[in-house]
Amino acid sequence: MASHDSGKIVSRDDEKMVASQPEKIVYGHDGMMVASQEKPGILYDERVGDSNGSESTDEFTWTVEEETAVRRKLDKVIVPLTTFLYLLCFLDRANVGNARIQGMGTDLNLVGVRFNWVTSIFYIIYMFVEVPSNILLKIIGPKYYLPLLVCGFGFVSVCTAFVKTFSGLLTARAFLGIFEGGVMPGLAFFITCFYKREELLLRVGIYVSAASMAGAFGGLLATALARIPPWGVSTMVIHTWRNIFFFEGIITMLAGLGAPFLMPTTPAECWFLNERERRIAFERLVMKNGADENEQVEFHHVTRSIFNINNYICALGFFLINITVQGISLFMPTILKDLGWTATKAQLYTVPPYVCACCVAIAVAFVSDKTNRRGIYLAGFTFLAIAGFSILRWATDPNVRYAGVFLITLGAFPGGPGFLSWAMNNASGPAIRAVSGAYVVTLGTAGGVLATWTYVSKEAPKYPTGHTINLAGQIGVLVLSLAGIAYCKWENRQRNLGKRDHRLNGRSAREIKDLGYRHPEFRYIT
């Protein structure tokens, strides 16, 4: 990494990427790879400044101020765009909970566990789509593939406004899972194509915080849309809950159609940067990992992603976090209505917890990026969620129980971006990052399937089983976070002692470069 002192020069010499150079990779103070002249086989070409505080080659140089300016320009387009698209994704996913208390449950006869099946079918389909969708994304490119998915789930939302039966609603939710399945891992991978490793969590944290933004905005929007007077034709009158699906779907489709005009394919093709800035945006990432951003996904990339122990920890943690995040998103309106409140009051009272959760999630992501730590924040915030579910499980006063909802959203919502970023931070190489992101989210999505069965109508209004499952899950998140810290520290220590150096033996330069996180000089973020 280049020093961040004012006016210093950062540079990259393409010839230094050739593995025949007798170089060894070491690490700077921030845990990122830097190169020194000792051992054959270079994986990364990211270097610290020399004694004069600058580096230069005859190829290309830029200052830290220029790189900062480029990063800020990226932030003005990439972050708002991904955040808005994921907000629409989560809005169209969770609006079924808002629609339920606005009359959908009565109109479609969603008695017993029928609503649980409606929510469950979405996550079952969603789970099996994520990995193949991200592989398609890598082949097709994000500029058109991600907007296509957005238009797809927007269209399904519009169609949901016209369903008349339970089976029709099940079908619509299954198609929604097909289109939404690739969005979260796809956007996560898209972000990694523009930012350095240590810059990721804040950006991923902001875009994933759209889930809590959607919860807040969804309650307000559902209240307003449900009040639109009935309209349509005699055979299909659009009213109350149908308005929610119809108008939210139209908004989503319009956003999807406009997205390709804003979405760049690679840093070198950003329309909002000039020629020099585009090269800086590209070169700074080549310095970061020395890998080809256009490398194709091969079978060994899939196996390395699957057998990465850190991915197991993050996937299981994401699974447990999703039980809470998805469950609360789907059932909060119902839980609040069962406190004895009207449908309108329940809708509006979902807003404050989500607003607070959004602010806290972004703040945690910011601090985590600054300190280059992940696990400690994941572990710390579980105590809030543990306290919140304890209140919901045993308290009886409605106001106290509502306070418990606040603690749950504050404690659980930072966990999703935390685990996802932790996994992608420790997955080196574009192809492995693409598969790892989808793999972690896929296993994590199974938590969404379980979440749909944690709150069943026969246990209203206390829902003891649901609160107990979530309480146990948050304790599990605490244990996994601490285990992840311990594993990453242990593995880094083994590499410091040279116990992974044998992985370089007998390998060609290309094979060494392709080792990714298995390279002896790679260091895990804890």
Protein backbone atom coordinates (compact mmCIF):
# COMPACT_ATOMS: atom_id res chain seq x y z
CA MET A 1 0.00 0.00 0.00
CA ALA A 2 1.16 3.48 -0.67
CA SER A 3 1.63 5.77 2.27
CA HIS A 4 -1.27 8.13 2.79
CA ASP A 5 0.88 11.16 3.51
CA SER A 6 0.00 14.21 1.47
CA GLY A 7 1.58 14.52 -1.95
CA LYS A 8 3.17 11.06 -2.10
CA ILE A 9 3.24 9.16 -5.34
CA VAL A 10 1.63 5.77 -5.95
CA SER A 11 2.68 3.76 -8.99
CA ARG A 12 2.47 0.48 -10.80
CA ASP A 13 4.89 -1.04 -13.26
CA ASP A 14 3.20 -3.67 -15.37
CA GLU A 15 6.46 -5.52 -15.82
CA LYS A 16 6.68 -6.09 -12.09
CA MET A 17 3.61 -8.29 -12.35
CA VAL A 18 5.65 -10.94 -14.18
CA ALA A 19 6.24 -13.82 -11.83
CA SER A 20 9.78 -14.38 -13.05
CA GLN A 21 10.92 -11.40 -11.02
CA PRO A 22 12.68 -12.62 -7.85
CA GLU A 23 10.20 -11.05 -5.46
CA LYS A 24 8.61 -12.04 -2.20
CA ILE A 25 5.33 -10.71 -0.95
CA VAL A 26 5.20 -9.22 2.53
CA TYR A 27 2.67 -7.11 4.38
CA GLY A 28 2.41 -3.51 5.35
CA HIS A 29 0.95 -2.13 8.56
CA ASP A 30 -2.59 -2.49 7.24
CA GLY A 31 -2.32 -6.21 6.54
CA MET A 32 -2.33 -5.76 2.78
CA MET A 33 0.18 -7.43 0.51
CA VAL A 34 3.31 -5.57 -0.52
CA ALA A 35 6.26 -6.81 -2.55
CA SER A 36 9.94 -7.11 -1.70
CA GLN A 37 12.88 -8.53 -3.66
CA GLU A 38 13.46 -12.00 -2.23
CA LYS A 39 11.38 -14.97 -3.36
CA PRO A 40 10.12 -16.08 -6.80
CA GLY A 41 6.40 -16.00 -7.43
CA ILE A 42 4.50 -12.79 -6.95
CA LEU A 43 0.81 -12.75 -6.19
CA TYR A 44 0.29 -9.10 -5.38
CA ASP A 45 2.08 -5.99 -6.54
CA GLU A 46 1.07 -3.61 -3.80
CA ARG A 47 4.00 -1.81 -2.26
CA VAL A 48 4.93 0.60 0.48
CA GLY A 49 6.72 3.85 -0.21
CA ASP A 50 10.47 4.10 -0.18
CA SER A 51 12.57 6.12 2.22
CA ASN A 52 11.81 9.24 0.25
CA GLY A 53 8.06 8.74 0.70
CA SER A 54 7.30 8.14 -2.97
CA GLU A 55 7.42 5.57 -5.72
CA SER A 56 7.61 6.06 -9.45
CA THR A 57 8.14 4.15 -12.65
CA ASP A 58 8.35 5.12 -16.27
CA GLU A 59 4.88 3.61 -16.71
CA PHE A 60 2.27 5.48 -14.67
CA THR A 61 2.14 7.45 -11.43
CA TRP A 62 -0.48 9.27 -9.40
CA THR A 63 -0.74 11.02 -6.07
CA VAL A 64 -2.69 9.92 -3.01
CA GLU A 65 -4.86 13.02 -3.42
CA GLU A 66 -5.76 11.91 -6.96
CA GLU A 67 -6.67 8.43 -5.76
CA THR A 68 -8.81 9.90 -2.97
CA ALA A 69 -10.60 12.11 -5.49
CA VAL A 70 -11.26 9.08 -7.73
CA ARG A 71 -12.59 7.07 -4.80
CA ARG A 72 -14.95 9.88 -3.85
CA LYS A 73 -16.27 10.06 -7.41
CA LEU A 74 -16.85 6.31 -7.31
CA ASP A 75 -18.69 6.75 -4.02
CA LYS A 76 -21.04 9.31 -5.57
CA VAL A 77 -22.24 6.84 -8.21
CA ILE A 78 -21.53 3.23 -7.20
CA VAL A 79 -22.75 3.42 -3.59
CA PRO A 80 -26.05 5.29 -4.17
CA LEU A 81 -26.83 3.14 -7.20
CA THR A 82 -26.28 -0.21 -5.47
CA THR A 83 -28.05 1.00 -2.33
CA PHE A 84 -31.12 2.13 -4.27
CA LEU A 85 -31.33 -1.11 -6.28
CA TYR A 86 -31.07 -3.24 -3.14
CA LEU A 87 -33.64 -1.05 -1.39
CA LEU A 88 -36.07 -1.85 -4.20
CA CYS A 89 -35.13 -5.53 -3.98
CA PHE A 90 -35.84 -5.71 -0.26
CA LEU A 91 -38.95 -3.54 -0.57
CA ASP A 92 -40.50 -5.90 -3.13
CA ARG A 93 -39.53 -8.87 -0.97
CA ALA A 94 -40.83 -7.67 2.40
CA ASN A 95 -43.97 -5.85 1.24
CA VAL A 96 -45.88 -9.12 1.61
CA GLY A 97 -45.75 -8.54 5.37
CA ASN A 98 -47.24 -5.07 4.98
CA ALA A 99 -49.88 -6.37 2.56
CA ARG A 100 -50.90 -9.13 4.95
CA ILE A 101 -52.25 -6.77 7.59
CA GLN A 102 -53.88 -4.56 4.95
CA GLY A 103 -56.35 -7.28 3.98
CA MET A 104 -54.39 -9.74 1.84
CA GLY A 105 -54.59 -12.42 4.51
CA THR A 106 -58.40 -12.21 4.47
CA ASP A 107 -58.87 -11.84 0.70
CA LEU A 108 -56.64 -14.80 -0.17
CA ASN A 109 -57.68 -16.90 2.83
CA LEU A 110 -54.17 -17.17 4.26
CA VAL A 111 -55.22 -19.23 7.28
CA GLY A 112 -53.03 -21.50 9.38
CA VAL A 113 -49.51 -21.79 7.96
CA ARG A 114 -50.40 -20.61 4.45
CA PHE A 115 -48.61 -17.28 4.95
CA ASN A 116 -45.54 -19.17 6.14
CA TRP A 117 -45.56 -21.14 2.87
CA VAL A 118 -45.92 -17.91 0.90
CA THR A 119 -42.77 -16.49 2.48
CA SER A 120 -40.90 -19.80 2.55
CA ILE A 121 -41.22 -20.63 -1.17
CA PHE A 122 -39.47 -17.37 -2.01
CA TYR A 123 -36.37 -18.22 0.04
CA ILE A 124 -36.21 -21.82 -1.14
CA ILE A 125 -36.05 -20.73 -4.79
CA TYR A 126 -33.83 -17.76 -3.90
CA MET A 127 -31.28 -20.03 -2.25
CA PHE A 128 -30.69 -22.21 -5.31
CA VAL A 129 -30.40 -19.30 -7.73
CA GLU A 130 -27.60 -17.32 -6.07
CA VAL A 131 -24.45 -19.20 -7.12
CA PRO A 132 -25.44 -19.87 -10.78
CA SER A 133 -26.67 -16.27 -11.01
CA ASN A 134 -23.30 -14.89 -9.93
CA ILE A 135 -21.52 -17.12 -12.44
CA LEU A 136 -23.81 -15.72 -15.14
CA LEU A 137 -23.05 -12.22 -13.86
CA LYS A 138 -19.34 -12.90 -14.29
CA ILE A 139 -19.94 -14.06 -17.87
CA ILE A 140 -22.46 -11.43 -18.99
CA GLY A 141 -21.27 -8.48 -16.92
CA PRO A 142 -23.20 -6.36 -14.41
CA LYS A 143 -24.19 -3.46 -16.66
CA TYR A 144 -27.16 -5.29 -18.17
CA TYR A 145 -27.53 -8.42 -16.05
CA LEU A 146 -28.26 -6.69 -12.72
CA PRO A 147 -30.79 -4.24 -14.24
CA LEU A 148 -32.45 -7.21 -15.97
CA LEU A 149 -32.96 -8.84 -12.56
CA VAL A 150 -34.37 -5.58 -11.18
CA CYS A 151 -36.87 -5.26 -14.03
CA GLY A 152 -37.76 -8.92 -13.51
CA PHE A 153 -38.67 -8.72 -9.85
CA GLY A 154 -40.45 -5.40 -10.42
CA PHE A 155 -42.62 -7.06 -13.07
CA VAL A 156 -43.39 -9.96 -10.72
CA SER A 157 -44.45 -7.46 -8.03
CA VAL A 158 -46.87 -5.83 -10.49
CA CYS A 159 -48.28 -9.25 -11.36
CA THR A 160 -48.76 -10.03 -7.66
CA ALA A 161 -51.30 -7.21 -7.48
CA PHE A 162 -53.60 -9.31 -9.68
CA VAL A 163 -53.44 -12.69 -7.90
CA LYS A 164 -56.76 -14.03 -6.61
CA THR A 165 -55.82 -17.29 -4.91
CA PHE A 166 -53.31 -18.74 -2.49
CA SER A 167 -51.76 -20.84 -5.27
CA GLY A 168 -51.40 -17.75 -7.46
CA LEU A 169 -49.58 -15.94 -4.68
CA LEU A 170 -47.25 -18.94 -4.20
CA THR A 171 -46.40 -18.89 -7.91
CA ALA A 172 -45.69 -15.16 -7.87
CA ARG A 173 -43.40 -15.49 -4.84
CA ALA A 174 -41.49 -18.35 -6.52
CA PHE A 175 -40.80 -16.18 -9.58
CA LEU A 176 -39.79 -13.34 -7.28
CA GLY A 177 -37.16 -15.65 -5.77
CA ILE A 178 -35.77 -16.45 -9.25
CA PHE A 179 -35.13 -12.79 -10.03
CA GLU A 180 -34.09 -11.58 -6.57
CA GLY A 181 -31.77 -14.52 -5.87
CA GLY A 182 -28.88 -13.02 -7.79
CA VAL A 183 -29.25 -9.43 -6.66
CA MET A 184 -27.57 -9.35 -3.23
CA PRO A 185 -24.47 -11.43 -4.11
CA GLY A 186 -24.36 -9.74 -7.52
CA LEU A 187 -24.28 -6.24 -6.06
CA ALA A 188 -21.70 -7.34 -3.48
CA PHE A 189 -19.42 -8.65 -6.23
CA PHE A 190 -20.05 -5.53 -8.32
CA ILE A 191 -18.80 -3.35 -5.44
CA THR A 192 -15.64 -5.43 -5.01
CA CYS A 193 -14.73 -4.63 -8.63
CA PHE A 194 -14.31 -0.93 -7.77
CA TYR A 195 -12.86 -0.86 -4.24
CA LYS A 196 -9.84 -2.10 -2.35
CA ARG A 197 -10.09 -4.75 0.30
CA GLU A 198 -9.94 -2.32 3.22
CA GLU A 199 -12.56 -0.06 1.63
CA LEU A 200 -15.22 -2.73 1.25
CA LEU A 201 -17.18 -2.98 4.49
CA LEU A 202 -18.32 0.63 4.60
CA ARG A 203 -19.62 0.41 1.03
CA VAL A 204 -21.20 -3.01 1.48
CA GLY A 205 -22.55 -1.84 4.83
CA ILE A 206 -24.26 1.14 3.23
CA TYR A 207 -25.83 -0.88 0.43
CA VAL A 208 -26.98 -3.71 2.72
CA SER A 209 -28.38 -1.10 5.12
CA ALA A 210 -30.94 -0.59 2.39
CA ALA A 211 -32.71 -3.53 4.03
CA SER A 212 -33.43 -1.40 7.07
CA MET A 213 -34.15 1.63 4.87
CA ALA A 214 -36.70 -0.51 3.00
CA GLY A 215 -38.26 -1.53 6.30
CA ALA A 216 -38.68 2.11 7.31
CA PHE A 217 -39.72 3.36 3.90
CA GLY A 218 -41.90 0.29 3.30
CA GLY A 219 -44.08 0.98 6.32
CA LEU A 220 -44.67 4.58 5.29
CA LEU A 221 -45.20 3.69 1.64
CA ALA A 222 -47.58 0.85 2.45
CA THR A 223 -49.66 3.14 4.64
CA ALA A 224 -49.93 5.72 1.85
CA LEU A 225 -50.57 3.27 -1.00
CA ALA A 226 -53.21 1.36 0.95
CA ARG A 227 -55.21 4.59 1.21
CA ILE A 228 -55.46 5.08 -2.57
CA PRO A 229 -59.14 4.73 -3.57
CA PRO A 230 -60.09 1.51 -5.39
CA TRP A 231 -59.57 1.61 -9.15
CA GLY A 232 -59.49 -0.75 -12.13
CA VAL A 233 -62.25 -2.72 -13.85
CA SER A 234 -65.17 -4.60 -12.39
CA THR A 235 -63.44 -7.97 -12.78
CA MET A 236 -60.25 -6.78 -11.09
CA VAL A 237 -60.46 -3.90 -8.63
CA ILE A 238 -57.06 -2.70 -7.36
CA HIS A 239 -57.31 -1.57 -3.75
CA THR A 240 -55.45 -1.46 -0.39
CA TRP A 241 -52.86 -4.29 -0.45
CA ARG A 242 -53.01 -4.64 -4.23
CA ASN A 243 -51.93 -1.01 -4.58
CA ILE A 244 -48.79 -1.83 -2.55
CA PHE A 245 -47.61 -4.49 -5.00
CA PHE A 246 -48.69 -2.63 -8.13
CA PHE A 247 -47.10 0.76 -7.54
CA GLU A 248 -43.94 -0.55 -5.86
CA GLY A 249 -43.46 -2.86 -8.85
CA ILE A 250 -43.89 -0.01 -11.35
CA ILE A 251 -41.28 2.09 -9.50
CA THR A 252 -38.88 -0.87 -9.53
CA MET A 253 -39.27 -1.52 -13.25
CA LEU A 254 -38.60 2.12 -14.10
CA ALA A 255 -35.45 2.04 -11.96
CA GLY A 256 -34.29 -1.16 -13.65
CA LEU A 257 -34.75 0.32 -17.10
CA GLY A 258 -32.70 3.38 -16.17
CA ALA A 259 -29.91 1.55 -14.33
CA PRO A 260 -27.81 0.53 -17.39
CA PHE A 261 -27.30 4.19 -18.26
CA LEU A 262 -25.63 4.76 -14.86
CA MET A 263 -23.95 1.43 -14.16
CA PRO A 264 -20.32 1.08 -15.35
CA THR A 265 -18.92 -2.33 -16.25
CA THR A 266 -15.37 -1.89 -14.90
CA PRO A 267 -13.32 0.91 -13.29
CA ALA A 268 -11.65 1.49 -16.66
CA GLU A 269 -15.04 2.24 -18.24
CA CYS A 270 -16.58 4.62 -15.70
CA TRP A 271 -18.47 7.29 -17.65
CA PHE A 272 -18.16 9.80 -14.81
CA LEU A 273 -14.33 9.71 -14.75
CA ASN A 274 -11.95 11.29 -17.22
CA GLU A 275 -9.31 9.22 -19.00
CA ARG A 276 -6.62 9.67 -16.35
CA GLU A 277 -9.05 8.98 -13.49
CA ARG A 278 -10.25 5.81 -15.18
CA ARG A 279 -6.71 4.54 -15.39
CA ILE A 280 -6.08 5.37 -11.73
CA ALA A 281 -9.30 3.58 -10.78
CA PHE A 282 -8.14 0.51 -12.70
CA GLU A 283 -4.45 0.51 -11.77
CA ARG A 284 -5.03 0.94 -8.03
CA LEU A 285 -6.98 -2.32 -8.04
CA VAL A 286 -4.32 -4.16 -10.04
CA MET A 287 -1.91 -3.07 -7.33
CA LYS A 288 -4.35 -4.44 -4.82
CA ASN A 289 -4.44 -8.01 -6.04
CA GLY A 290 -2.47 -8.47 -9.23
CA ALA A 291 -5.27 -10.64 -10.58
CA ASP A 292 -7.15 -10.35 -13.82
CA GLU A 293 -10.54 -8.80 -13.07
CA ASN A 294 -11.83 -10.54 -16.21
CA GLU A 295 -10.70 -14.04 -15.23
CA GLN A 296 -13.33 -16.70 -15.91
CA VAL A 297 -14.81 -18.83 -13.14
CA GLU A 298 -13.28 -22.30 -13.22
CA PHE A 299 -14.05 -25.42 -11.18
CA HIS A 300 -11.13 -24.92 -8.80
CA HIS A 301 -12.44 -21.44 -7.94
CA VAL A 302 -15.69 -23.04 -6.82
CA THR A 303 -13.95 -25.68 -4.69
CA ARG A 304 -11.65 -23.13 -3.07
CA SER A 305 -14.63 -21.01 -2.14
CA ILE A 306 -16.50 -23.98 -0.69
CA PHE A 307 -13.55 -25.27 1.33
CA ASN A 308 -12.52 -21.90 2.77
CA ILE A 309 -12.99 -22.26 6.54
CA ASN A 310 -13.56 -18.53 6.92
CA ASN A 311 -16.45 -18.85 4.45
CA TYR A 312 -18.03 -21.53 6.62
CA ILE A 313 -17.89 -19.26 9.64
CA CYS A 314 -19.30 -16.29 7.73
CA ALA A 315 -21.97 -18.36 5.99
CA LEU A 316 -23.21 -19.89 9.24
CA GLY A 317 -23.11 -16.48 10.92
CA PHE A 318 -25.04 -15.00 8.00
CA PHE A 319 -27.52 -17.89 8.32
CA LEU A 320 -28.20 -17.05 11.96
CA ILE A 321 -28.34 -13.31 11.30
CA ASN A 322 -30.82 -13.92 8.48
CA ILE A 323 -33.18 -15.79 10.78
CA THR A 324 -33.57 -12.52 12.66
CA VAL A 325 -33.30 -9.95 9.86
CA GLN A 326 -35.64 -11.73 7.45
CA GLY A 327 -38.00 -12.84 10.20
CA ILE A 328 -38.32 -9.37 11.68
CA SER A 329 -38.72 -7.82 8.23
CA LEU A 330 -41.58 -10.17 7.35
CA PHE A 331 -43.33 -10.39 10.69
CA MET A 332 -42.72 -7.06 12.46
CA PRO A 333 -46.02 -5.56 11.22
CA THR A 334 -47.84 -8.67 12.46
CA ILE A 335 -45.99 -8.73 15.81
CA LEU A 336 -46.82 -5.05 16.42
CA LYS A 337 -50.45 -5.48 15.34
CA ASP A 338 -50.75 -8.35 17.82
CA LEU A 339 -49.79 -5.90 20.59
CA GLY A 340 -53.33 -4.61 20.18
CA TRP A 341 -52.54 -1.82 17.73
CA THR A 342 -54.46 -0.94 14.56
CA ALA A 343 -53.01 -1.88 11.16
CA THR A 344 -52.10 1.75 10.42
CA LYS A 345 -50.41 2.23 13.79
CA ALA A 346 -48.50 -1.04 13.38
CA GLN A 347 -47.29 0.02 9.91
CA LEU A 348 -46.10 3.42 11.13
CA TYR A 349 -44.44 2.05 14.26
CA THR A 350 -42.23 -0.21 12.14
CA VAL A 351 -40.44 2.91 10.87
CA PRO A 352 -38.39 4.14 13.91
CA PRO A 353 -36.60 0.82 14.64
CA TYR A 354 -35.52 0.55 11.01
CA VAL A 355 -34.29 4.14 10.85
CA CYS A 356 -32.14 3.62 13.95
CA ALA A 357 -30.87 0.28 12.63
CA CYS A 358 -29.86 1.88 9.34
CA CYS A 359 -27.83 4.61 11.06
CA VAL A 360 -26.13 2.16 13.40
CA ALA A 361 -25.31 -0.32 10.61
CA ILE A 362 -23.59 2.39 8.56
CA ALA A 363 -21.72 3.71 11.62
CA VAL A 364 -20.48 0.21 12.49
CA ALA A 365 -19.36 -0.36 8.90
CA PHE A 366 -17.47 2.96 8.94
CA VAL A 367 -15.65 2.21 12.20
CA SER A 368 -14.94 -1.36 11.10
CA ASP A 369 -13.32 -0.16 7.88
CA LYS A 370 -11.25 2.41 9.75
CA THR A 371 -9.97 -0.15 12.25
CA ASN A 372 -9.75 -2.99 9.68
CA ARG A 373 -11.56 -5.35 12.07
CA ARG A 374 -14.75 -7.34 11.56
CA GLY A 375 -15.34 -10.01 14.22
CA ILE A 376 -15.16 -7.83 17.31
CA TYR A 377 -18.05 -5.62 16.13
CA LEU A 378 -20.14 -8.60 15.10
CA ALA A 379 -19.63 -10.11 18.55
CA GLY A 380 -20.29 -6.88 20.44
CA PHE A 381 -23.60 -5.99 18.83
CA THR A 382 -25.11 -9.42 19.44
CA PHE A 383 -25.59 -8.44 23.08
CA LEU A 384 -28.21 -5.88 22.02
CA ALA A 385 -30.12 -8.48 20.01
CA ILE A 386 -29.85 -11.02 22.83
CA ALA A 387 -31.33 -8.48 25.24
CA GLY A 388 -34.08 -7.59 22.76
CA PHE A 389 -35.25 -11.16 22.23
CA SER A 390 -35.10 -11.80 25.96
CA ILE A 391 -37.52 -8.89 26.42
CA LEU A 392 -39.88 -10.15 23.71
CA ARG A 393 -39.75 -13.66 25.13
CA TRP A 394 -40.60 -12.83 28.73
CA ALA A 395 -41.91 -9.23 29.01
CA THR A 396 -45.65 -8.52 28.82
CA ASP A 397 -46.01 -4.73 28.66
CA PRO A 398 -46.54 -3.62 24.99
CA ASN A 399 -44.27 -0.57 25.35
CA VAL A 400 -41.46 -2.64 26.86
CA ARG A 401 -41.84 -5.22 24.09
CA TYR A 402 -41.64 -2.45 21.49
CA ALA A 403 -38.37 -1.31 23.12
CA GLY A 404 -37.14 -4.88 22.64
CA VAL A 405 -37.79 -4.55 18.90
CA PHE A 406 -35.47 -1.53 18.84
CA LEU A 407 -32.67 -3.51 20.50
CA ILE A 408 -33.13 -6.38 18.04
CA THR A 409 -32.85 -4.21 14.94
CA LEU A 410 -29.86 -2.31 16.36
CA GLY A 411 -28.06 -5.52 17.26
CA ALA A 412 -28.88 -7.71 14.25
CA PHE A 413 -28.88 -5.48 11.18
CA PRO A 414 -25.12 -4.65 11.26
CA GLY A 415 -24.43 -8.40 11.13
CA GLY A 416 -25.41 -9.02 7.51
CA PRO A 417 -22.90 -6.65 5.88
CA GLY A 418 -20.34 -7.59 8.52
CA PHE A 419 -20.31 -11.30 7.71
CA LEU A 420 -20.60 -10.77 3.96
CA SER A 421 -17.71 -8.30 3.88
CA TRP A 422 -15.61 -10.49 6.16
CA ALA A 423 -16.00 -13.38 3.73
CA MET A 424 -15.21 -11.31 0.64
CA ASN A 425 -12.27 -9.56 2.35
CA ASN A 426 -10.70 -12.97 2.88
CA ALA A 427 -11.50 -14.35 -0.59
CA SER A 428 -8.73 -13.30 -2.96
CA GLY A 429 -9.13 -13.21 -6.72
CA PRO A 430 -12.16 -11.91 -8.68
CA ALA A 431 -13.52 -15.35 -9.60
CA ILE A 432 -13.20 -16.65 -6.04
CA ARG A 433 -14.81 -13.46 -4.69
CA ALA A 434 -17.73 -13.90 -7.08
CA VAL A 435 -18.33 -17.50 -6.02
CA SER A 436 -17.66 -16.82 -2.33
CA GLY A 437 -20.12 -13.96 -2.18
CA ALA A 438 -22.86 -16.08 -3.74
CA TYR A 439 -21.91 -19.14 -1.68
CA VAL A 440 -22.05 -17.30 1.64
CA VAL A 441 -25.31 -15.59 0.76
CA THR A 442 -26.78 -18.92 -0.44
CA LEU A 443 -26.08 -20.70 2.83
CA GLY A 444 -27.16 -17.60 4.71
CA THR A 445 -30.44 -17.54 2.79
CA ALA A 446 -31.35 -20.85 4.37
CA GLY A 447 -31.79 -18.75 7.49
CA GLY A 448 -34.50 -16.87 5.63
CA VAL A 449 -36.28 -20.17 4.97
CA LEU A 450 -36.19 -21.02 8.68
CA ALA A 451 -37.26 -17.46 9.55
CA THR A 452 -40.53 -17.92 7.67
CA TRP A 453 -41.51 -20.71 10.09
CA THR A 454 -40.43 -19.13 13.36
CA TYR A 455 -43.61 -17.09 13.80
CA VAL A 456 -46.86 -19.03 13.26
CA SER A 457 -50.33 -17.62 13.82
CA LYS A 458 -51.35 -20.18 16.44
CA GLU A 459 -48.71 -18.77 18.84
CA ALA A 460 -49.92 -15.16 18.56
CA PRO A 461 -49.50 -12.77 20.28
CA LYS A 462 -46.56 -14.07 22.41
CA TYR A 463 -44.74 -16.14 19.75
CA PRO A 464 -42.57 -17.95 22.34
CA THR A 465 -41.03 -20.38 19.82
CA GLY A 466 -40.01 -17.66 17.38
CA HIS A 467 -38.39 -15.49 20.03
CA THR A 468 -36.57 -18.46 21.56
CA ILE A 469 -35.16 -19.58 18.19
CA ASN A 470 -33.91 -16.07 17.49
CA LEU A 471 -32.43 -15.73 20.97
CA ALA A 472 -30.47 -18.95 20.49
CA GLY A 473 -29.41 -17.78 17.03
CA GLN A 474 -27.96 -14.52 18.35
CA ILE A 475 -26.00 -16.44 20.99
CA GLY A 476 -24.70 -18.56 18.12
CA VAL A 477 -23.63 -15.40 16.25
CA LEU A 478 -21.62 -14.35 19.29
CA VAL A 479 -19.84 -17.73 19.43
CA LEU A 480 -19.14 -17.76 15.68
CA SER A 481 -17.76 -14.22 15.70
CA LEU A 482 -15.30 -15.09 18.46
CA ALA A 483 -14.41 -18.36 16.70
CA GLY A 484 -13.79 -16.47 13.45
CA ILE A 485 -11.42 -14.06 15.18
CA ALA A 486 -9.56 -16.97 16.78
CA TYR A 487 -9.27 -18.90 13.49
CA CYS A 488 -8.03 -15.94 11.46
CA LYS A 489 -5.43 -15.04 14.09
CA TRP A 490 -4.28 -18.68 14.30
CA GLU A 491 -4.01 -19.04 10.52
CA ASN A 492 -2.08 -15.77 10.20
CA ARG A 493 0.30 -16.98 12.90
CA GLN A 494 0.90 -20.25 11.02
CA ARG A 495 1.80 -18.26 7.92
CA ASN A 496 4.11 -16.01 9.90
CA LEU A 497 5.93 -19.15 11.04
CA GLY A 498 6.33 -20.36 7.45
CA LYS A 499 4.03 -23.37 7.84
CA ARG A 500 2.21 -22.64 4.57
CA ASP A 501 5.30 -21.97 2.42
CA HIS A 502 5.15 -25.49 0.95
CA ARG A 503 2.19 -24.38 -1.16
CA LEU A 504 4.65 -22.59 -3.46
CA ASN A 505 6.74 -25.69 -4.17
CA GLY A 506 6.71 -26.91 -7.76
CA ARG A 507 4.19 -24.34 -8.95
CA SER A 508 4.45 -22.18 -12.03
CA ALA A 509 4.21 -18.41 -11.83
CA ARG A 510 0.61 -18.50 -13.02
CA GLU A 511 -0.34 -21.16 -10.44
CA ILE A 512 1.26 -19.13 -7.65
CA LYS A 513 -0.59 -16.03 -8.74
CA ASP A 514 -3.82 -18.06 -8.77
CA LEU A 515 -3.40 -19.31 -5.18
CA GLY A 516 -5.44 -16.38 -3.87
CA TYR A 517 -6.16 -16.60 -0.15
CA ARG A 518 -4.11 -19.83 0.04
CA HIS A 519 -0.89 -17.98 -0.76
CA PRO A 520 1.51 -18.15 2.26
CA GLU A 521 1.79 -14.36 2.33
CA PHE A 522 -1.95 -13.64 2.30
CA ARG A 523 -3.22 -12.44 5.68
CA TYR A 524 -6.78 -12.77 6.91
CA ILE A 525 -8.64 -9.76 8.25
CA THR A 526 -9.91 -10.52 11.73
